Amino acid sequence: MPSPRAFACMAMILVGVISGYVTSGAKRPMTSLATASLFRRDHSSLNWCGAVQYSNQVTFVKGTWTVPSVSIPNGNLSTDQYWFYQWVGIDGVSPCEVLLQGGTGTTITNGTVGAFAWYEFYPAGPVYPNMSIHVGDVVYVSVEATSSKTGTICIDNLSTGESQTFNPVSQNGSLCQKTAEWIAEDPGITVQPFPSFSAFNLTSCKATTGSGSVITLDGAELWEMNQKGRRLCHAQVNSNSDLTVFNG
């Protein structure tokens, strides 16, 4: 049973601004929002996979998931570095290419699997807090737009009881607050080698607007990831708050 500290973000108790950066280990390439945005209409993307919901004045989005395991696909090189990200966020779909997001990542580097937390107010670079995350941990993440240029991101590791809150400020544009996302991603300006991964559920998927309206997964766009004629990732809505992300 995790300590009460684990539920700090879920209870919206702010625990202060954390300014720590990971200075060694995994580093996230910059997200290619332009690539994701180009495929809005036919739900196919080079790097996004999951659910996108459209609304007005989206202010808050949340989700809970188990950090998935990853492995090297058959026929791929063990010397390649593989990237896989799981996150919730606000905006990032064209023409609203400022993006407030936070979540977890899993990588394979020289055959070794790693996992970590991160957040980003794109187009600024990602921040890697000094937070312990492992494959199999259950995490709760919430992203709140406190204004068009400021946000609050909470990451709770429900398996360990660790909770951190971050308050990023955009120096490069404003949010439109038009979309909420629950996404698995192959990050990078150019796509990175993508690992195989265990299917995982995003649960408690909800968003809210400034007027207090609740946004669920009902009617959400489902995006699938396709590269070089192969589908690498797709998603399925199980209920209005539950989404499964599948390998392939």
C-alpha atoms as a PDB file:
ATOM      1  CA  MET A   1       0.000   0.000   0.000  1.00  0.00           C
ATOM      2  CA  PRO A   2       1.642   3.265  -1.059  1.00  0.00           C
ATOM      3  CA  SER A   3       2.040   6.030   1.472  1.00  0.00           C
ATOM      4  CA  PRO A   4      -0.402   8.997   1.464  1.00  0.00           C
ATOM      5  CA  ARG A   5       2.386  10.958  -0.254  1.00  0.00           C
ATOM      6  CA  ALA A   6       1.689   8.955  -3.414  1.00  0.00           C
ATOM      7  CA  PHE A   7      -1.696  10.562  -3.780  1.00  0.00           C
ATOM      8  CA  ALA A   8      -0.558  14.180  -3.479  1.00  0.00           C
ATOM      9  CA  CYS A   9      -1.164  14.976  -7.133  1.00  0.00           C
ATOM     10  CA  MET A  10      -4.394  12.998  -7.275  1.00  0.00           C
ATOM     11  CA  ALA A  11      -5.692  15.110  -4.412  1.00  0.00           C
ATOM     12  CA  MET A  12      -4.329  18.232  -6.135  1.00  0.00           C
ATOM     13  CA  ILE A  13      -2.089  19.038  -3.181  1.00  0.00           C
ATOM     14  CA  LEU A  14       0.832  20.959  -4.616  1.00  0.00           C
ATOM     15  CA  VAL A  15       4.170  19.801  -3.303  1.00  0.00           C
ATOM     16  CA  GLY A  16       6.285  22.648  -4.673  1.00  0.00           C
ATOM     17  CA  VAL A  17       8.309  23.290  -7.773  1.00  0.00           C
ATOM     18  CA  ILE A  18      10.920  20.657  -8.475  1.00  0.00           C
ATOM     19  CA  SER A  19      13.853  21.981 -10.468  1.00  0.00           C
ATOM     20  CA  GLY A  20      16.026  18.878 -10.653  1.00  0.00           C
ATOM     21  CA  TYR A  21      17.301  17.658 -14.004  1.00  0.00           C
ATOM     22  CA  VAL A  22      18.674  14.257 -14.874  1.00  0.00           C
ATOM     23  CA  THR A  23      22.206  14.957 -16.037  1.00  0.00           C
ATOM     24  CA  SER A  24      23.095  11.414 -17.007  1.00  0.00           C
ATOM     25  CA  GLY A  25      21.323   8.462 -18.539  1.00  0.00           C
ATOM     26  CA  ALA A  26      18.464   8.669 -21.024  1.00  0.00           C
ATOM     27  CA  LYS A  27      17.898  11.901 -22.931  1.00  0.00           C
ATOM     28  CA  ARG A  28      14.780  12.618 -24.944  1.00  0.00           C
ATOM     29  CA  PRO A  29      15.071  14.003 -28.477  1.00  0.00           C
ATOM     30  CA  MET A  30      12.834  16.941 -29.303  1.00  0.00           C
ATOM     31  CA  THR A  31       9.270  15.991 -30.190  1.00  0.00           C
ATOM     32  CA  SER A  32       8.225  16.311 -33.827  1.00  0.00           C
ATOM     33  CA  LEU A  33       4.868  18.012 -33.470  1.00  0.00           C
ATOM     34  CA  ALA A  34       4.724  18.907 -37.137  1.00  0.00           C
ATOM     35  CA  THR A  35       4.850  15.231 -38.050  1.00  0.00           C
ATOM     36  CA  ALA A  36       2.055  14.356 -35.663  1.00  0.00           C
ATOM     37  CA  SER A  37      -0.082  17.245 -36.812  1.00  0.00           C
ATOM     38  CA  LEU A  38       0.020  16.384 -40.506  1.00  0.00           C
ATOM     39  CA  PHE A  39      -1.978  13.200 -39.957  1.00  0.00           C
ATOM     40  CA  ARG A  40      -4.847  14.586 -37.933  1.00  0.00           C
ATOM     41  CA  ARG A  41      -7.578  13.735 -40.449  1.00  0.00           C
ATOM     42  CA  ASP A  42      -6.803  10.118 -41.243  1.00  0.00           C
ATOM     43  CA  HIS A  43      -5.596   9.246 -37.719  1.00  0.00           C
ATOM     44  CA  SER A  44      -2.224   7.960 -38.916  1.00  0.00           C
ATOM     45  CA  SER A  45       1.047   9.356 -37.588  1.00  0.00           C
ATOM     46  CA  LEU A  46       4.732   8.635 -37.784  1.00  0.00           C
ATOM     47  CA  ASN A  47       5.148   9.103 -34.057  1.00  0.00           C
ATOM     48  CA  TRP A  48       1.853   9.406 -32.119  1.00  0.00           C
ATOM     49  CA  CYS A  49      -0.461   6.580 -31.041  1.00  0.00           C
ATOM     50  CA  GLY A  50      -3.474   6.895 -28.752  1.00  0.00           C
ATOM     51  CA  ALA A  51      -6.498   9.152 -28.313  1.00  0.00           C
ATOM     52  CA  VAL A  52      -7.053  12.831 -29.108  1.00  0.00           C
ATOM     53  CA  GLN A  53     -10.159  14.653 -27.943  1.00  0.00           C
ATOM     54  CA  TYR A  54     -11.244  18.064 -29.267  1.00  0.00           C
ATOM     55  CA  SER A  55     -12.921  20.747 -27.182  1.00  0.00           C
ATOM     56  CA  ASN A  56     -12.617  24.407 -26.161  1.00  0.00           C
ATOM     57  CA  GLN A  57     -10.680  25.810 -23.209  1.00  0.00           C
ATOM     58  CA  VAL A  58      -9.178  22.480 -22.151  1.00  0.00           C
ATOM     59  CA  THR A  59      -7.584  23.166 -18.783  1.00  0.00           C
ATOM     60  CA  PHE A  60      -6.867  19.753 -17.252  1.00  0.00           C
ATOM     61  CA  VAL A  61      -6.129  16.195 -18.388  1.00  0.00           C
ATOM     62  CA  LYS A  62      -5.201  13.103 -16.392  1.00  0.00           C
ATOM     63  CA  GLY A  63      -4.479   9.404 -16.737  1.00  0.00           C
ATOM     64  CA  THR A  64      -3.074   6.397 -14.892  1.00  0.00           C
ATOM     65  CA  TRP A  65      -0.991   3.587 -16.394  1.00  0.00           C
ATOM     66  CA  THR A  66       1.563   0.883 -15.700  1.00  0.00           C
ATOM     67  CA  VAL A  67       4.948   1.702 -17.225  1.00  0.00           C
ATOM     68  CA  PRO A  68       5.194  -0.878 -20.039  1.00  0.00           C
ATOM     69  CA  SER A  69       8.035  -3.291 -20.649  1.00  0.00           C
ATOM     70  CA  VAL A  70      10.002  -2.980 -23.890  1.00  0.00           C
ATOM     71  CA  SER A  71      12.158  -5.312 -25.973  1.00  0.00           C
ATOM     72  CA  ILE A  72      14.212  -5.233 -29.157  1.00  0.00           C
ATOM     73  CA  PRO A  73      12.098  -6.212 -32.190  1.00  0.00           C
ATOM     74  CA  ASN A  74      13.090  -9.346 -34.087  1.00  0.00           C
ATOM     75  CA  GLY A  75      15.755  -8.587 -36.657  1.00  0.00           C
ATOM     76  CA  ASN A  76      16.746  -5.244 -35.137  1.00  0.00           C
ATOM     77  CA  LEU A  77      20.188  -4.331 -33.856  1.00  0.00           C
ATOM     78  CA  SER A  78      20.924  -4.642 -30.156  1.00  0.00           C
ATOM     79  CA  THR A  79      23.315  -1.703 -30.502  1.00  0.00           C
ATOM     80  CA  ASP A  80      20.525   0.695 -31.529  1.00  0.00           C
ATOM     81  CA  GLN A  81      18.898   2.955 -28.961  1.00  0.00           C
ATOM     82  CA  TYR A  82      15.129   2.514 -28.698  1.00  0.00           C
ATOM     83  CA  TRP A  83      12.654   5.096 -27.374  1.00  0.00           C
ATOM     84  CA  PHE A  84       9.051   4.813 -26.197  1.00  0.00           C
ATOM     85  CA  TYR A  85       7.086   7.498 -24.359  1.00  0.00           C
ATOM     86  CA  GLN A  86       3.724   7.518 -22.575  1.00  0.00           C
ATOM     87  CA  TRP A  87       2.080  10.828 -21.702  1.00  0.00           C
ATOM     88  CA  VAL A  88      -0.983  13.019 -21.285  1.00  0.00           C
ATOM     89  CA  GLY A  89      -1.108  16.560 -22.570  1.00  0.00           C
ATOM     90  CA  ILE A  90      -2.897  19.634 -23.870  1.00  0.00           C
ATOM     91  CA  ASP A  91      -2.574  20.813 -27.514  1.00  0.00           C
ATOM     92  CA  GLY A  92       0.145  19.888 -30.009  1.00  0.00           C
ATOM     93  CA  VAL A  93      -2.248  19.197 -32.910  1.00  0.00           C
ATOM     94  CA  SER A  94      -1.934  21.644 -35.834  1.00  0.00           C
ATOM     95  CA  PRO A  95      -2.352  24.589 -35.804  1.00  0.00           C
ATOM     96  CA  CYS A  96      -1.878  24.564 -32.013  1.00  0.00           C
ATOM     97  CA  GLU A  97       1.708  23.381 -31.880  1.00  0.00           C
ATOM     98  CA  VAL A  98       2.579  24.580 -28.395  1.00  0.00           C
ATOM     99  CA  LEU A  99       2.217  21.493 -26.198  1.00  0.00           C
ATOM    100  CA  LEU A 100       2.070  21.004 -22.431  1.00  0.00           C
ATOM    101  CA  GLN A 101       2.761  17.356 -21.592  1.00  0.00           C
ATOM    102  CA  GLY A 102       4.091  15.020 -18.948  1.00  0.00           C
ATOM    103  CA  GLY A 103       4.554  11.314 -18.425  1.00  0.00           C
ATOM    104  CA  THR A 104       7.021   8.438 -18.469  1.00  0.00           C
ATOM    105  CA  GLY A 105       9.505   6.990 -20.909  1.00  0.00           C
ATOM    106  CA  THR A 106      11.145   3.635 -21.512  1.00  0.00           C
ATOM    107  CA  THR A 107      14.339   3.106 -23.485  1.00  0.00           C
ATOM    108  CA  ILE A 108      16.732   0.359 -24.479  1.00  0.00           C
ATOM    109  CA  THR A 109      20.393   1.384 -24.608  1.00  0.00           C
ATOM    110  CA  ASN A 110      22.986  -1.259 -25.487  1.00  0.00           C
ATOM    111  CA  GLY A 111      20.464  -3.901 -24.497  1.00  0.00           C
ATOM    112  CA  THR A 112      19.675  -2.330 -21.102  1.00  0.00           C
ATOM    113  CA  VAL A 113      16.122  -1.194 -20.350  1.00  0.00           C
ATOM    114  CA  GLY A 114      15.593   2.087 -18.501  1.00  0.00           C
ATOM    115  CA  ALA A 115      12.552   4.091 -17.411  1.00  0.00           C
ATOM    116  CA  PHE A 116      12.071   7.651 -16.191  1.00  0.00           C
ATOM    117  CA  ALA A 117       9.675  10.572 -15.753  1.00  0.00           C
ATOM    118  CA  TRP A 118       9.692  13.711 -17.881  1.00  0.00           C
ATOM    119  CA  TYR A 119       7.653  16.789 -18.756  1.00  0.00           C
ATOM    120  CA  GLU A 120       7.796  19.461 -21.433  1.00  0.00           C
ATOM    121  CA  PHE A 121       6.293  22.792 -22.483  1.00  0.00           C
ATOM    122  CA  TYR A 122       7.085  22.410 -26.182  1.00  0.00           C
ATOM    123  CA  PRO A 123       8.774  23.975 -28.127  1.00  0.00           C
ATOM    124  CA  ALA A 124      11.068  24.310 -25.108  1.00  0.00           C
ATOM    125  CA  GLY A 125      13.075  21.182 -24.435  1.00  0.00           C
ATOM    126  CA  PRO A 126      12.054  18.357 -22.098  1.00  0.00           C
ATOM    127  CA  VAL A 127      12.902  18.284 -18.398  1.00  0.00           C
ATOM    128  CA  TYR A 128      13.910  15.086 -16.619  1.00  0.00           C
ATOM    129  CA  PRO A 129      13.180  15.281 -12.882  1.00  0.00           C
ATOM    130  CA  ASN A 130      15.261  13.295 -10.455  1.00  0.00           C
ATOM    131  CA  MET A 131      12.473  10.782  -9.846  1.00  0.00           C
ATOM    132  CA  SER A 132      12.627   7.000  -9.543  1.00  0.00           C
ATOM    133  CA  ILE A 133      10.582   5.214 -12.236  1.00  0.00           C
ATOM    134  CA  HIS A 134      10.789   1.529 -13.195  1.00  0.00           C
ATOM    135  CA  VAL A 135       9.051  -0.734 -15.691  1.00  0.00           C
ATOM    136  CA  GLY A 136       5.955  -2.103 -13.957  1.00  0.00           C
ATOM    137  CA  ASP A 137       5.401   0.935 -11.743  1.00  0.00           C
ATOM    138  CA  VAL A 138       1.879   2.361 -11.695  1.00  0.00           C
ATOM    139  CA  VAL A 139       1.879   6.117 -12.303  1.00  0.00           C
ATOM    140  CA  TYR A 140      -0.747   8.835 -12.193  1.00  0.00           C
ATOM    141  CA  VAL A 141      -0.075  11.948 -14.277  1.00  0.00           C
ATOM    142  CA  SER A 142      -2.069  15.147 -14.513  1.00  0.00           C
ATOM    143  CA  VAL A 143      -1.441  18.190 -16.692  1.00  0.00           C
ATOM    144  CA  GLU A 144      -3.134  21.508 -15.966  1.00  0.00           C
ATOM    145  CA  ALA A 145      -3.029  24.726 -17.990  1.00  0.00           C
ATOM    146  CA  THR A 146      -3.200  27.399 -15.295  1.00  0.00           C
ATOM    147  CA  SER A 147      -3.033  29.976 -18.117  1.00  0.00           C
ATOM    148  CA  SER A 148      -2.104  29.880 -21.800  1.00  0.00           C
ATOM    149  CA  LYS A 149       1.571  30.188 -20.824  1.00  0.00           C
ATOM    150  CA  THR A 150       1.784  28.442 -17.447  1.00  0.00           C
ATOM    151  CA  GLY A 151       1.074  24.928 -16.276  1.00  0.00           C
ATOM    152  CA  THR A 152       1.132  22.502 -13.370  1.00  0.00           C
ATOM    153  CA  ILE A 153       2.214  18.919 -13.966  1.00  0.00           C
ATOM    154  CA  CYS A 154       1.878  16.243 -11.278  1.00  0.00           C
ATOM    155  CA  ILE A 155       3.569  12.857 -11.510  1.00  0.00           C
ATOM    156  CA  ASP A 156       2.728  10.303  -8.799  1.00  0.00           C
ATOM    157  CA  ASN A 157       4.505   6.958  -8.669  1.00  0.00           C
ATOM    158  CA  LEU A 158       1.766   5.006  -6.930  1.00  0.00           C
ATOM    159  CA  SER A 159       4.038   1.971  -6.597  1.00  0.00           C
ATOM    160  CA  THR A 160       6.731   3.747  -4.576  1.00  0.00           C
ATOM    161  CA  GLY A 161       4.825   6.613  -2.970  1.00  0.00           C
ATOM    162  CA  GLU A 162       6.953   9.309  -4.611  1.00  0.00           C
ATOM    163  CA  SER A 163       5.156  12.390  -5.907  1.00  0.00           C
ATOM    164  CA  GLN A 164       6.476  15.494  -7.645  1.00  0.00           C
ATOM    165  CA  THR A 165       4.830  18.648  -8.970  1.00  0.00           C
ATOM    166  CA  PHE A 166       6.233  20.989 -11.606  1.00  0.00           C
ATOM    167  CA  ASN A 167       5.205  24.467 -12.755  1.00  0.00           C
ATOM    168  CA  PRO A 168       6.621  25.105 -16.245  1.00  0.00           C
ATOM    169  CA  VAL A 169       6.282  28.461 -18.008  1.00  0.00           C
ATOM    170  CA  SER A 170       6.202  28.817 -21.803  1.00  0.00           C
ATOM    171  CA  GLN A 171       8.772  31.181 -23.281  1.00  0.00           C
ATOM    172  CA  ASN A 172       7.790  30.312 -26.861  1.00  0.00           C
ATOM    173  CA  GLY A 173       4.108  30.828 -27.601  1.00  0.00           C
ATOM    174  CA  SER A 174       0.737  30.190 -26.013  1.00  0.00           C
ATOM    175  CA  LEU A 175      -1.561  27.213 -25.692  1.00  0.00           C
ATOM    176  CA  CYS A 176      -4.768  27.156 -27.735  1.00  0.00           C
ATOM    177  CA  GLN A 177      -6.333  24.725 -25.235  1.00  0.00           C
ATOM    178  CA  LYS A 178      -8.211  22.931 -28.036  1.00  0.00           C
ATOM    179  CA  THR A 179      -7.224  19.281 -27.516  1.00  0.00           C
ATOM    180  CA  ALA A 180      -6.580  16.752 -24.761  1.00  0.00           C
ATOM    181  CA  GLU A 181      -4.315  13.789 -25.514  1.00  0.00           C
ATOM    182  CA  TRP A 182      -3.504  10.351 -24.110  1.00  0.00           C
ATOM    183  CA  ILE A 183      -0.533   9.278 -26.210  1.00  0.00           C
ATOM    184  CA  ALA A 184       2.231   6.726 -26.722  1.00  0.00           C
ATOM    185  CA  GLU A 185       5.057   8.202 -28.804  1.00  0.00           C
ATOM    186  CA  ASP A 186       8.177   7.471 -30.779  1.00  0.00           C
ATOM    187  CA  PRO A 187       9.935  10.779 -30.037  1.00  0.00           C
ATOM    188  CA  GLY A 188      12.374  12.762 -32.098  1.00  0.00           C
ATOM    189  CA  ILE A 189      12.718  15.285 -34.900  1.00  0.00           C
ATOM    190  CA  THR A 190      13.440  12.207 -36.968  1.00  0.00           C
ATOM    191  CA  VAL A 191      11.804   9.028 -35.703  1.00  0.00           C
ATOM    192  CA  GLN A 192      13.931   6.836 -33.453  1.00  0.00           C
ATOM    193  CA  PRO A 193      14.253   3.035 -33.593  1.00  0.00           C
ATOM    194  CA  PHE A 194      11.018   1.862 -31.991  1.00  0.00           C
ATOM    195  CA  PRO A 195      10.897  -1.081 -29.558  1.00  0.00           C
ATOM    196  CA  SER A 196       8.344  -3.811 -29.156  1.00  0.00           C
ATOM    197  CA  PHE A 197       6.309  -3.215 -25.997  1.00  0.00           C
ATOM    198  CA  SER A 198       3.750  -4.864 -23.767  1.00  0.00           C
ATOM    199  CA  ALA A 199       0.171  -3.678 -24.266  1.00  0.00           C
ATOM    200  CA  PHE A 200      -0.897  -1.341 -21.479  1.00  0.00           C
ATOM    201  CA  ASN A 201      -4.034   0.440 -20.296  1.00  0.00           C
ATOM    202  CA  LEU A 202      -4.478   4.125 -19.659  1.00  0.00           C
ATOM    203  CA  THR A 203      -7.243   4.363 -17.072  1.00  0.00           C
ATOM    204  CA  SER A 204      -9.068   7.221 -15.341  1.00  0.00           C
ATOM    205  CA  CYS A 205      -8.696   9.167 -18.587  1.00  0.00           C
ATOM    206  CA  LYS A 206     -10.555  12.416 -18.119  1.00  0.00           C
ATOM    207  CA  ALA A 207     -10.148  16.081 -18.998  1.00  0.00           C
ATOM    208  CA  THR A 208     -12.000  19.234 -18.012  1.00  0.00           C
ATOM    209  CA  THR A 209     -12.593  22.677 -19.480  1.00  0.00           C
ATOM    210  CA  GLY A 210     -12.502  26.112 -17.941  1.00  0.00           C
ATOM    211  CA  SER A 211     -16.292  26.061 -17.622  1.00  0.00           C
ATOM    212  CA  GLY A 212     -16.181  22.792 -15.683  1.00  0.00           C
ATOM    213  CA  SER A 213     -17.340  20.489 -18.493  1.00  0.00           C
ATOM    214  CA  VAL A 214     -15.949  16.951 -18.312  1.00  0.00           C
ATOM    215  CA  ILE A 215     -14.254  15.492 -21.396  1.00  0.00           C
ATOM    216  CA  THR A 216     -14.131  11.697 -21.687  1.00  0.00           C
ATOM    217  CA  LEU A 217     -12.880   9.302 -24.359  1.00  0.00           C
ATOM    218  CA  ASP A 218     -16.341   9.121 -25.955  1.00  0.00           C
ATOM    219  CA  GLY A 219     -15.925  10.070 -29.614  1.00  0.00           C
ATOM    220  CA  ALA A 220     -12.163  10.583 -29.364  1.00  0.00           C
ATOM    221  CA  GLU A 221      -9.965  10.334 -32.445  1.00  0.00           C
ATOM    222  CA  LEU A 222      -7.807   7.216 -32.357  1.00  0.00           C
ATOM    223  CA  TRP A 223      -4.342   7.688 -33.814  1.00  0.00           C
ATOM    224  CA  GLU A 224      -2.139   4.819 -34.929  1.00  0.00           C
ATOM    225  CA  MET A 225       1.596   4.889 -35.586  1.00  0.00           C
ATOM    226  CA  ASN A 226       2.789   3.823 -39.049  1.00  0.00           C
ATOM    227  CA  GLN A 227       6.358   3.837 -40.349  1.00  0.00           C
ATOM    228  CA  LYS A 228       7.645   2.515 -43.676  1.00  0.00           C
ATOM    229  CA  GLY A 229       4.352   0.787 -44.434  1.00  0.00           C
ATOM    230  CA  ARG A 230       4.186  -0.986 -41.054  1.00  0.00           C
ATOM    231  CA  ARG A 231       1.811  -0.335 -38.203  1.00  0.00           C
ATOM    232  CA  LEU A 232       3.841  -0.127 -35.000  1.00  0.00           C
ATOM    233  CA  CYS A 233       1.175   0.882 -32.492  1.00  0.00           C
ATOM    234  CA  HIS A 234      -2.599   1.253 -32.264  1.00  0.00           C
ATOM    235  CA  ALA A 235      -5.154   2.014 -29.571  1.00  0.00           C
ATOM    236  CA  GLN A 236      -8.612   0.856 -28.564  1.00  0.00           C
ATOM    237  CA  VAL A 237     -11.151   2.623 -26.351  1.00  0.00           C
ATOM    238  CA  ASN A 238     -12.660   0.212 -23.811  1.00  0.00           C
ATOM    239  CA  SER A 239     -14.895   2.695 -21.989  1.00  0.00           C
ATOM    240  CA  ASN A 240     -15.258   6.438 -21.653  1.00  0.00           C
ATOM    241  CA  SER A 241     -12.221   6.491 -19.341  1.00  0.00           C
ATOM    242  CA  ASP A 242     -10.168   3.434 -20.348  1.00  0.00           C
ATOM    243  CA  LEU A 243      -7.839   3.095 -23.337  1.00  0.00           C
ATOM    244  CA  THR A 244      -5.564   0.194 -24.333  1.00  0.00           C
ATOM    245  CA  VAL A 245      -2.405   0.783 -26.376  1.00  0.00           C
ATOM    246  CA  PHE A 246      -1.230  -2.234 -28.375  1.00  0.00           C
ATOM    247  CA  ASN A 247       2.061  -3.129 -30.003  1.00  0.00           C
ATOM    248  CA  GLY A 248       1.766  -3.436 -33.791  1.00  0.00           C
END
